[in-house]
Amino acid sequence: MTLRLSAQGEVALVGDCSSADAEDLLRHLCAHPEAEIDWRRCQSAHTALVQVLIAATARPIGPPAGEFLARFIAPLLNQDEHRKNGVEGRE
């Protein structure tokens, strides 16, 4: 299983996360909006799952294992941090 959910609210994304994981992640984040998301062992994630992370304004514990996620997706999830520091668009 690529999406591991705990009763305490924690989420772990592991391996290659598919579109089937997106709905479960969305449900879990709706029930646990402050859930910690650990994607350090995530190699890849379907765009549906990435959209859930973006919409939920999630800031996963990372960096992710997959190079594409680390290079292109992780910065999207940290945009607010860049805006607060006044460095948007300077990367």
PDB file of N, CA and C in Angstrom:
ATOM      1  N   MET A   1       0.842  -1.185   0.000  1.00  0.00           N
ATOM      2  CA  MET A   1       0.000   0.000   0.000  1.00  0.00           C
ATOM      3  C   MET A   1       0.885   1.246   0.000  1.00  0.00           C
ATOM      4  N   THR A   2       0.582   2.196  -0.866  1.00  0.00           N
ATOM      5  CA  THR A   2       1.421   3.378  -0.998  1.00  0.00           C
ATOM      6  C   THR A   2       0.977   4.523  -0.092  1.00  0.00           C
ATOM      7  N   LEU A   3      -0.249   4.478   0.393  1.00  0.00           N
ATOM      8  CA  LEU A   3      -0.772   5.498   1.296  1.00  0.00           C
ATOM      9  C   LEU A   3      -1.041   4.837   2.639  1.00  0.00           C
ATOM     10  N   ARG A   4      -0.309   5.268   3.646  1.00  0.00           N
ATOM     11  CA  ARG A   4      -0.467   4.689   4.979  1.00  0.00           C
ATOM     12  C   ARG A   4      -1.040   5.747   5.905  1.00  0.00           C
ATOM     13  N   LEU A   5      -2.187   5.445   6.497  1.00  0.00           N
ATOM     14  CA  LEU A   5      -2.888   6.382   7.358  1.00  0.00           C
ATOM     15  C   LEU A   5      -2.929   5.836   8.776  1.00  0.00           C
ATOM     16  N   SER A   6      -2.732   6.708   9.754  1.00  0.00           N
ATOM     17  CA  SER A   6      -2.808   6.268  11.142  1.00  0.00           C
ATOM     18  C   SER A   6      -4.055   6.850  11.793  1.00  0.00           C
ATOM     19  N   ALA A   7      -4.504   6.226  12.850  1.00  0.00           N
ATOM     20  CA  ALA A   7      -5.667   6.702  13.592  1.00  0.00           C
ATOM     21  C   ALA A   7      -5.386   8.069  14.225  1.00  0.00           C
ATOM     22  N   GLN A   8      -4.119   8.378  14.466  1.00  0.00           N
ATOM     23  CA  GLN A   8      -3.737   9.663  15.054  1.00  0.00           C
ATOM     24  C   GLN A   8      -3.707  10.786  14.017  1.00  0.00           C
ATOM     25  N   GLY A   9      -3.875  10.445  12.750  1.00  0.00           N
ATOM     26  CA  GLY A   9      -3.935  11.453  11.707  1.00  0.00           C
ATOM     27  C   GLY A   9      -2.730  11.525  10.802  1.00  0.00           C
ATOM     28  N   GLU A  10      -1.629  10.873  11.156  1.00  0.00           N
ATOM     29  CA  GLU A  10      -0.439  10.937  10.314  1.00  0.00           C
ATOM     30  C   GLU A  10      -0.659  10.214   8.987  1.00  0.00           C
ATOM     31  N   VAL A  11       0.045  10.700   7.982  1.00  0.00           N
ATOM     32  CA  VAL A  11      -0.027  10.135   6.637  1.00  0.00           C
ATOM     33  C   VAL A  11       1.396   9.859   6.163  1.00  0.00           C
ATOM     34  N   ALA A  12       1.591   8.712   5.540  1.00  0.00           N
ATOM     35  CA  ALA A  12       2.874   8.404   4.912  1.00  0.00           C
ATOM     36  C   ALA A  12       2.610   8.036   3.454  1.00  0.00           C
ATOM     37  N   LEU A  13       3.318   8.702   2.548  1.00  0.00           N
ATOM     38  CA  LEU A  13       3.260   8.378   1.130  1.00  0.00           C
ATOM     39  C   LEU A  13       4.530   7.601   0.813  1.00  0.00           C
ATOM     40  N   VAL A  14       4.348   6.381   0.292  1.00  0.00           N
ATOM     41  CA  VAL A  14       5.478   5.471   0.104  1.00  0.00           C
ATOM     42  C   VAL A  14       5.461   4.917  -1.317  1.00  0.00           C
ATOM     43  N   GLY A  15       6.617   4.924  -1.960  1.00  0.00           N
ATOM     44  CA  GLY A  15       6.740   4.321  -3.294  1.00  0.00           C
ATOM     45  C   GLY A  15       6.088   5.155  -4.369  1.00  0.00           C
ATOM     46  N   ASP A  16       5.358   4.490  -5.256  1.00  0.00           N
ATOM     47  CA  ASP A  16       4.685   5.135  -6.379  1.00  0.00           C
ATOM     48  C   ASP A  16       3.202   5.273  -6.055  1.00  0.00           C
ATOM     49  N   CYS A  17       2.763   6.467  -5.697  1.00  0.00           N
ATOM     50  CA  CYS A  17       1.379   6.700  -5.285  1.00  0.00           C
ATOM     51  C   CYS A  17       0.500   6.913  -6.512  1.00  0.00           C
ATOM     52  N   SER A  18      -0.584   6.177  -6.584  1.00  0.00           N
ATOM     53  CA  SER A  18      -1.450   6.201  -7.765  1.00  0.00           C
ATOM     54  C   SER A  18      -2.638   7.136  -7.560  1.00  0.00           C
ATOM     55  N   SER A  19      -3.426   7.276  -8.620  1.00  0.00           N
ATOM     56  CA  SER A  19      -4.624   8.106  -8.538  1.00  0.00           C
ATOM     57  C   SER A  19      -5.627   7.534  -7.539  1.00  0.00           C
ATOM     58  N   ALA A  20      -5.600   6.230  -7.342  1.00  0.00           N
ATOM     59  CA  ALA A  20      -6.515   5.603  -6.376  1.00  0.00           C
ATOM     60  C   ALA A  20      -6.262   6.089  -4.953  1.00  0.00           C
ATOM     61  N   ASP A  21      -5.041   6.554  -4.669  1.00  0.00           N
ATOM     62  CA  ASP A  21      -4.707   7.052  -3.338  1.00  0.00           C
ATOM     63  C   ASP A  21      -5.265   8.449  -3.079  1.00  0.00           C
ATOM     64  N   ALA A  22      -5.568   9.194  -4.126  1.00  0.00           N
ATOM     65  CA  ALA A  22      -5.986  10.584  -3.974  1.00  0.00           C
ATOM     66  C   ALA A  22      -7.283  10.716  -3.186  1.00  0.00           C
ATOM     67  N   GLU A  23      -8.269   9.907  -3.482  1.00  0.00           N
ATOM     68  CA  GLU A  23      -9.555  10.005  -2.783  1.00  0.00           C
ATOM     69  C   GLU A  23      -9.401   9.668  -1.308  1.00  0.00           C
ATOM     70  N   ASP A  24      -8.642   8.625  -1.002  1.00  0.00           N
ATOM     71  CA  ASP A  24      -8.412   8.268   0.397  1.00  0.00           C
ATOM     72  C   ASP A  24      -7.666   9.373   1.130  1.00  0.00           C
ATOM     73  N   LEU A  25      -6.680   9.981   0.463  1.00  0.00           N
ATOM     74  CA  LEU A  25      -5.936  11.069   1.077  1.00  0.00           C
ATOM     75  C   LEU A  25      -6.855  12.260   1.330  1.00  0.00           C
ATOM     76  N   LEU A  26      -7.694  12.596   0.364  1.00  0.00           N
ATOM     77  CA  LEU A  26      -8.626  13.705   0.526  1.00  0.00           C
ATOM     78  C   LEU A  26      -9.561  13.475   1.714  1.00  0.00           C
ATOM     79  N   ARG A  27     -10.136  12.302   1.803  1.00  0.00           N
ATOM     80  CA  ARG A  27     -11.021  11.978   2.930  1.00  0.00           C
ATOM     81  C   ARG A  27     -10.291  12.117   4.261  1.00  0.00           C
ATOM     82  N   HIS A  28      -9.088  11.587   4.291  1.00  0.00           N
ATOM     83  CA  HIS A  28      -8.306  11.616   5.526  1.00  0.00           C
ATOM     84  C   HIS A  28      -7.963  13.057   5.920  1.00  0.00           C
ATOM     85  N   LEU A  29      -7.563  13.876   4.951  1.00  0.00           N
ATOM     86  CA  LEU A  29      -7.205  15.254   5.258  1.00  0.00           C
ATOM     87  C   LEU A  29      -8.430  16.088   5.652  1.00  0.00           C
ATOM     88  N   CYS A  30      -9.590  15.743   5.133  1.00  0.00           N
ATOM     89  CA  CYS A  30     -10.815  16.428   5.561  1.00  0.00           C
ATOM     90  C   CYS A  30     -11.127  16.103   7.029  1.00  0.00           C
ATOM     91  N   ALA A  31     -10.891  14.875   7.417  1.00  0.00           N
ATOM     92  CA  ALA A  31     -11.139  14.456   8.800  1.00  0.00           C
ATOM     93  C   ALA A  31     -10.027  14.899   9.745  1.00  0.00           C
ATOM     94  N   HIS A  32      -8.811  15.049   9.205  1.00  0.00           N
ATOM     95  CA  HIS A  32      -7.631  15.419  10.002  1.00  0.00           C
ATOM     96  C   HIS A  32      -6.880  16.546   9.285  1.00  0.00           C
ATOM     97  N   PRO A  33      -7.418  17.772   9.289  1.00  0.00           N
ATOM     98  CA  PRO A  33      -6.797  18.844   8.512  1.00  0.00           C
ATOM     99  C   PRO A  33      -5.373  19.204   8.944  1.00  0.00           C
ATOM    100  N   GLU A  34      -5.004  18.889  10.155  1.00  0.00           N
ATOM    101  CA  GLU A  34      -3.660  19.199  10.642  1.00  0.00           C
ATOM    102  C   GLU A  34      -2.715  17.991  10.548  1.00  0.00           C
ATOM    103  N   ALA A  35      -3.114  16.995   9.792  1.00  0.00           N
ATOM    104  CA  ALA A  35      -2.318  15.768   9.683  1.00  0.00           C
ATOM    105  C   ALA A  35      -0.919  16.055   9.157  1.00  0.00           C
ATOM    106  N   GLU A  36       0.055  15.381   9.718  1.00  0.00           N
ATOM    107  CA  GLU A  36       1.417  15.451   9.196  1.00  0.00           C
ATOM    108  C   GLU A  36       1.526  14.468   8.036  1.00  0.00           C
ATOM    109  N   ILE A  37       2.136  14.916   6.961  1.00  0.00           N
ATOM    110  CA  ILE A  37       2.297  14.089   5.769  1.00  0.00           C
ATOM    111  C   ILE A  37       3.784  13.866   5.548  1.00  0.00           C
ATOM    112  N   ASP A  38       4.174  12.621   5.602  1.00  0.00           N
ATOM    113  CA  ASP A  38       5.584  12.261   5.405  1.00  0.00           C
ATOM    114  C   ASP A  38       5.724  11.652   4.015  1.00  0.00           C
ATOM    115  N   TRP A  39       6.459  12.328   3.154  1.00  0.00           N
ATOM    116  CA  TRP A  39       6.646  11.782   1.795  1.00  0.00           C
ATOM    117  C   TRP A  39       8.111  11.519   1.484  1.00  0.00           C
ATOM    118  N   ARG A  40       8.900  11.324   2.506  1.00  0.00           N
ATOM    119  CA  ARG A  40      10.332  11.076   2.313  1.00  0.00           C
ATOM    120  C   ARG A  40      10.616   9.772   1.570  1.00  0.00           C
ATOM    121  N   ARG A  41       9.659   8.840   1.561  1.00  0.00           N
ATOM    122  CA  ARG A  41       9.862   7.575   0.831  1.00  0.00           C
ATOM    123  C   ARG A  41       9.000   7.504  -0.432  1.00  0.00           C
ATOM    124  N   CYS A  42       8.446   8.632  -0.850  1.00  0.00           N
ATOM    125  CA  CYS A  42       7.588   8.684  -2.039  1.00  0.00           C
ATOM    126  C   CYS A  42       8.446   8.896  -3.286  1.00  0.00           C
ATOM    127  N   GLN A  43       8.388   7.952  -4.209  1.00  0.00           N
ATOM    128  CA  GLN A  43       9.135   8.040  -5.462  1.00  0.00           C
ATOM    129  C   GLN A  43       8.399   8.859  -6.515  1.00  0.00           C
ATOM    130  N   SER A  44       7.084   8.654  -6.604  1.00  0.00           N
ATOM    131  CA  SER A  44       6.281   9.391  -7.574  1.00  0.00           C
ATOM    132  C   SER A  44       4.851   9.484  -7.055  1.00  0.00           C
ATOM    133  N   ALA A  45       4.127  10.485  -7.564  1.00  0.00           N
ATOM    134  CA  ALA A  45       2.739  10.675  -7.149  1.00  0.00           C
ATOM    135  C   ALA A  45       1.918  11.099  -8.361  1.00  0.00           C
ATOM    136  N   HIS A  46       0.792  10.458  -8.539  1.00  0.00           N
ATOM    137  CA  HIS A  46      -0.121  10.803  -9.628  1.00  0.00           C
ATOM    138  C   HIS A  46      -0.568  12.257  -9.451  1.00  0.00           C
ATOM    139  N   THR A  47      -0.864  12.937 -10.546  1.00  0.00           N
ATOM    140  CA  THR A  47      -1.256  14.341 -10.459  1.00  0.00           C
ATOM    141  C   THR A  47      -2.505  14.550  -9.604  1.00  0.00           C
ATOM    142  N   ALA A  48      -3.401  13.572  -9.547  1.00  0.00           N
ATOM    143  CA  ALA A  48      -4.593  13.705  -8.692  1.00  0.00           C
ATOM    144  C   ALA A  48      -4.181  13.829  -7.225  1.00  0.00           C
ATOM    145  N   LEU A  49      -3.207  13.062  -6.823  1.00  0.00           N
ATOM    146  CA  LEU A  49      -2.721  13.119  -5.446  1.00  0.00           C
ATOM    147  C   LEU A  49      -2.004  14.445  -5.199  1.00  0.00           C
ATOM    148  N   VAL A  50      -1.229  14.898  -6.159  1.00  0.00           N
ATOM    149  CA  VAL A  50      -0.538  16.185  -6.033  1.00  0.00           C
ATOM    150  C   VAL A  50      -1.563  17.304  -5.903  1.00  0.00           C
ATOM    151  N   GLN A  51      -2.647  17.250  -6.654  1.00  0.00           N
ATOM    152  CA  GLN A  51      -3.690  18.265  -6.574  1.00  0.00           C
ATOM    153  C   GLN A  51      -4.322  18.297  -5.187  1.00  0.00           C
ATOM    154  N   VAL A  52      -4.514  17.149  -4.576  1.00  0.00           N
ATOM    155  CA  VAL A  52      -5.050  17.103  -3.211  1.00  0.00           C
ATOM    156  C   VAL A  52      -4.078  17.789  -2.260  1.00  0.00           C
ATOM    157  N   LEU A  53      -2.800  17.510  -2.397  1.00  0.00           N
ATOM    158  CA  LEU A  53      -1.805  18.141  -1.524  1.00  0.00           C
ATOM    159  C   LEU A  53      -1.809  19.658  -1.692  1.00  0.00           C
ATOM    160  N   ILE A  54      -1.888  20.121  -2.927  1.00  0.00           N
ATOM    161  CA  ILE A  54      -1.893  21.563  -3.188  1.00  0.00           C
ATOM    162  C   ILE A  54      -3.164  22.199  -2.628  1.00  0.00           C
ATOM    163  N   ALA A  55      -4.315  21.591  -2.900  1.00  0.00           N
ATOM    164  CA  ALA A  55      -5.583  22.148  -2.428  1.00  0.00           C
ATOM    165  C   ALA A  55      -5.674  22.164  -0.904  1.00  0.00           C
ATOM    166  N   ALA A  56      -5.061  21.181  -0.286  1.00  0.00           N
ATOM    167  CA  ALA A  56      -5.089  21.091   1.179  1.00  0.00           C
ATOM    168  C   ALA A  56      -4.036  21.990   1.816  1.00  0.00           C
ATOM    169  N   THR A  57      -3.278  22.692   0.998  1.00  0.00           N
ATOM    170  CA  THR A  57      -2.156  23.529   1.446  1.00  0.00           C
ATOM    171  C   THR A  57      -1.220  22.750   2.365  1.00  0.00           C
ATOM    172  N   ALA A  58      -0.979  21.517   1.983  1.00  0.00           N
ATOM    173  CA  ALA A  58      -0.115  20.632   2.763  1.00  0.00           C
ATOM    174  C   ALA A  58       1.348  21.021   2.597  1.00  0.00           C
ATOM    175  N   ARG A  59       2.091  20.857   3.661  1.00  0.00           N
ATOM    176  CA  ARG A  59       3.547  21.029   3.630  1.00  0.00           C
ATOM    177  C   ARG A  59       4.158  19.735   4.137  1.00  0.00           C
ATOM    178  N   PRO A  60       4.331  18.777   3.239  1.00  0.00           N
ATOM    179  CA  PRO A  60       4.817  17.466   3.661  1.00  0.00           C
ATOM    180  C   PRO A  60       6.213  17.517   4.268  1.00  0.00           C
ATOM    181  N   ILE A  61       6.453  16.564   5.144  1.00  0.00           N
ATOM    182  CA  ILE A  61       7.785  16.361   5.696  1.00  0.00           C
ATOM    183  C   ILE A  61       8.602  15.758   4.564  1.00  0.00           C
ATOM    184  N   GLY A  62       9.697  16.328   4.253  1.00  0.00           N
ATOM    185  CA  GLY A  62      10.443  15.865   3.095  1.00  0.00           C
ATOM    186  C   GLY A  62      11.889  16.251   3.180  1.00  0.00           C
ATOM    187  N   PRO A  63      12.564  16.164   2.091  1.00  0.00           N
ATOM    188  CA  PRO A  63      12.116  16.097   0.711  1.00  0.00           C
ATOM    189  C   PRO A  63      11.668  14.694   0.314  1.00  0.00           C
ATOM    190  N   PRO A  64      10.886  14.639  -0.773  1.00  0.00           N
ATOM    191  CA  PRO A  64      10.468  13.333  -1.261  1.00  0.00           C
ATOM    192  C   PRO A  64      11.640  12.590  -1.888  1.00  0.00           C
ATOM    193  N   ALA A  65      11.490  11.277  -2.003  1.00  0.00           N
ATOM    194  CA  ALA A  65      12.552  10.447  -2.583  1.00  0.00           C
ATOM    195  C   ALA A  65      12.677  10.660  -4.089  1.00  0.00           C
ATOM    196  N   GLY A  66      11.571  10.900  -4.759  1.00  0.00           N
ATOM    197  CA  GLY A  66      11.593  11.049  -6.209  1.00  0.00           C
ATOM    198  C   GLY A  66      12.124  12.398  -6.647  1.00  0.00           C
ATOM    199  N   GLU A  67      13.024  12.378  -7.628  1.00  0.00           N
ATOM    200  CA  GLU A  67      13.661  13.604  -8.116  1.00  0.00           C
ATOM    201  C   GLU A  67      12.653  14.597  -8.695  1.00  0.00           C
ATOM    202  N   PHE A  68      11.684  14.103  -9.480  1.00  0.00           N
ATOM    203  CA  PHE A  68      10.679  14.999 -10.071  1.00  0.00           C
ATOM    204  C   PHE A  68       9.880  15.697  -8.981  1.00  0.00           C
ATOM    205  N   LEU A  69       9.440  14.940  -7.988  1.00  0.00           N
ATOM    206  CA  LEU A  69       8.683  15.536  -6.886  1.00  0.00           C
ATOM    207  C   LEU A  69       9.517  16.575  -6.149  1.00  0.00           C
ATOM    208  N   ALA A  70      10.757  16.251  -5.885  1.00  0.00           N
ATOM    209  CA  ALA A  70      11.629  17.167  -5.150  1.00  0.00           C
ATOM    210  C   ALA A  70      11.888  18.447  -5.943  1.00  0.00           C
ATOM    211  N   ARG A  71      12.075  18.296  -7.238  1.00  0.00           N
ATOM    212  CA  ARG A  71      12.456  19.446  -8.062  1.00  0.00           C
ATOM    213  C   ARG A  71      11.274  20.331  -8.451  1.00  0.00           C
ATOM    214  N   PHE A  72      10.134  19.712  -8.781  1.00  0.00           N
ATOM    215  CA  PHE A  72       9.029  20.486  -9.333  1.00  0.00           C
ATOM    216  C   PHE A  72       7.813  20.615  -8.424  1.00  0.00           C
ATOM    217  N   ILE A  73       7.530  19.616  -7.614  1.00  0.00           N
ATOM    218  CA  ILE A  73       6.308  19.648  -6.813  1.00  0.00           C
ATOM    219  C   ILE A  73       6.545  20.247  -5.429  1.00  0.00           C
ATOM    220  N   ALA A  74       7.622  19.883  -4.788  1.00  0.00           N
ATOM    221  CA  ALA A  74       7.907  20.415  -3.452  1.00  0.00           C
ATOM    222  C   ALA A  74       7.897  21.945  -3.425  1.00  0.00           C
ATOM    223  N   PRO A  75       8.486  22.628  -4.412  1.00  0.00           N
ATOM    224  CA  PRO A  75       8.423  24.090  -4.387  1.00  0.00           C
ATOM    225  C   PRO A  75       6.996  24.641  -4.465  1.00  0.00           C
ATOM    226  N   LEU A  76       6.105  23.938  -5.166  1.00  0.00           N
ATOM    227  CA  LEU A  76       4.705  24.378  -5.239  1.00  0.00           C
ATOM    228  C   LEU A  76       4.041  24.328  -3.871  1.00  0.00           C
ATOM    229  N   LEU A  77       4.419  23.367  -3.080  1.00  0.00           N
ATOM    230  CA  LEU A  77       3.809  23.202  -1.763  1.00  0.00           C
ATOM    231  C   LEU A  77       4.386  24.172  -0.741  1.00  0.00           C
ATOM    232  N   ASN A  78       5.444  24.855  -1.096  1.00  0.00           N
ATOM    233  CA  ASN A  78       6.075  25.817  -0.188  1.00  0.00           C
ATOM    234  C   ASN A  78       5.965  27.242  -0.689  1.00  0.00           C
ATOM    235  N   GLN A  79       5.038  27.527  -1.603  1.00  0.00           N
ATOM    236  CA  GLN A  79       4.906  28.863  -2.168  1.00  0.00           C
ATOM    237  C   GLN A  79       4.600  29.918  -1.121  1.00  0.00           C
ATOM    238  N   ASP A  80       3.740  29.615  -0.165  1.00  0.00           N
ATOM    239  CA  ASP A  80       3.401  30.594   0.867  1.00  0.00           C
ATOM    240  C   ASP A  80       4.640  31.012   1.639  1.00  0.00           C
ATOM    241  N   GLU A  81       5.514  30.067   1.915  1.00  0.00           N
ATOM    242  CA  GLU A  81       6.742  30.351   2.630  1.00  0.00           C
ATOM    243  C   GLU A  81       7.606  31.329   1.831  1.00  0.00           C
ATOM    244  N   HIS A  82       7.667  31.124   0.513  1.00  0.00           N
ATOM    245  CA  HIS A  82       8.450  32.011  -0.340  1.00  0.00           C
ATOM    246  C   HIS A  82       7.829  33.410  -0.363  1.00  0.00           C
ATOM    247  N   ARG A  83       6.497  33.489  -0.424  1.00  0.00           N
ATOM    248  CA  ARG A  83       5.834  34.790  -0.443  1.00  0.00           C
ATOM    249  C   ARG A  83       6.100  35.547   0.851  1.00  0.00           C
ATOM    250  N   LYS A  84       6.039  34.858   1.982  1.00  0.00           N
ATOM    251  CA  LYS A  84       6.272  35.499   3.274  1.00  0.00           C
ATOM    252  C   LYS A  84       7.689  36.050   3.367  1.00  0.00           C
ATOM    253  N   ASN A  85       8.637  35.358   2.756  1.00  0.00           N
ATOM    254  CA  ASN A  85      10.034  35.781   2.805  1.00  0.00           C
ATOM    255  C   ASN A  85      10.415  36.735   1.688  1.00  0.00           C
ATOM    256  N   GLY A  86       9.463  37.048   0.801  1.00  0.00           N
ATOM    257  CA  GLY A  86       9.737  37.979  -0.274  1.00  0.00           C
ATOM    258  C   GLY A  86      10.663  37.458  -1.340  1.00  0.00           C
ATOM    259  N   VAL A  87      10.689  36.137  -1.555  1.00  0.00           N
ATOM    260  CA  VAL A  87      11.592  35.568  -2.550  1.00  0.00           C
ATOM    261  C   VAL A  87      10.855  34.895  -3.684  1.00  0.00           C
ATOM    262  N   GLU A  88       9.559  35.196  -3.832  1.00  0.00           N
ATOM    263  CA  GLU A  88       8.809  34.578  -4.907  1.00  0.00           C
ATOM    264  C   GLU A  88       9.393  34.988  -6.255  1.00  0.00           C
ATOM    265  N   GLY A  89       9.598  34.009  -7.113  1.00  0.00           N
ATOM    266  CA  GLY A  89      10.092  34.259  -8.451  1.00  0.00           C
ATOM    267  C   GLY A  89      11.602  34.449  -8.547  1.00  0.00           C
ATOM    268  N   ARG A  90      12.329  34.272  -7.454  1.00  0.00           N
ATOM    269  CA  ARG A  90      13.781  34.449  -7.484  1.00  0.00           C
ATOM    270  C   ARG A  90      14.534  33.139  -7.458  1.00  0.00           C
ATOM    271  N   GLU A  91      13.878  32.038  -7.608  1.00  0.00           N
ATOM    272  CA  GLU A  91      14.548  30.736  -7.519  1.00  0.00           C
ATOM    273  C   GLU A  91      15.317  30.434  -8.773  1.00  0.00           C
TER     274      GLU A  91
END
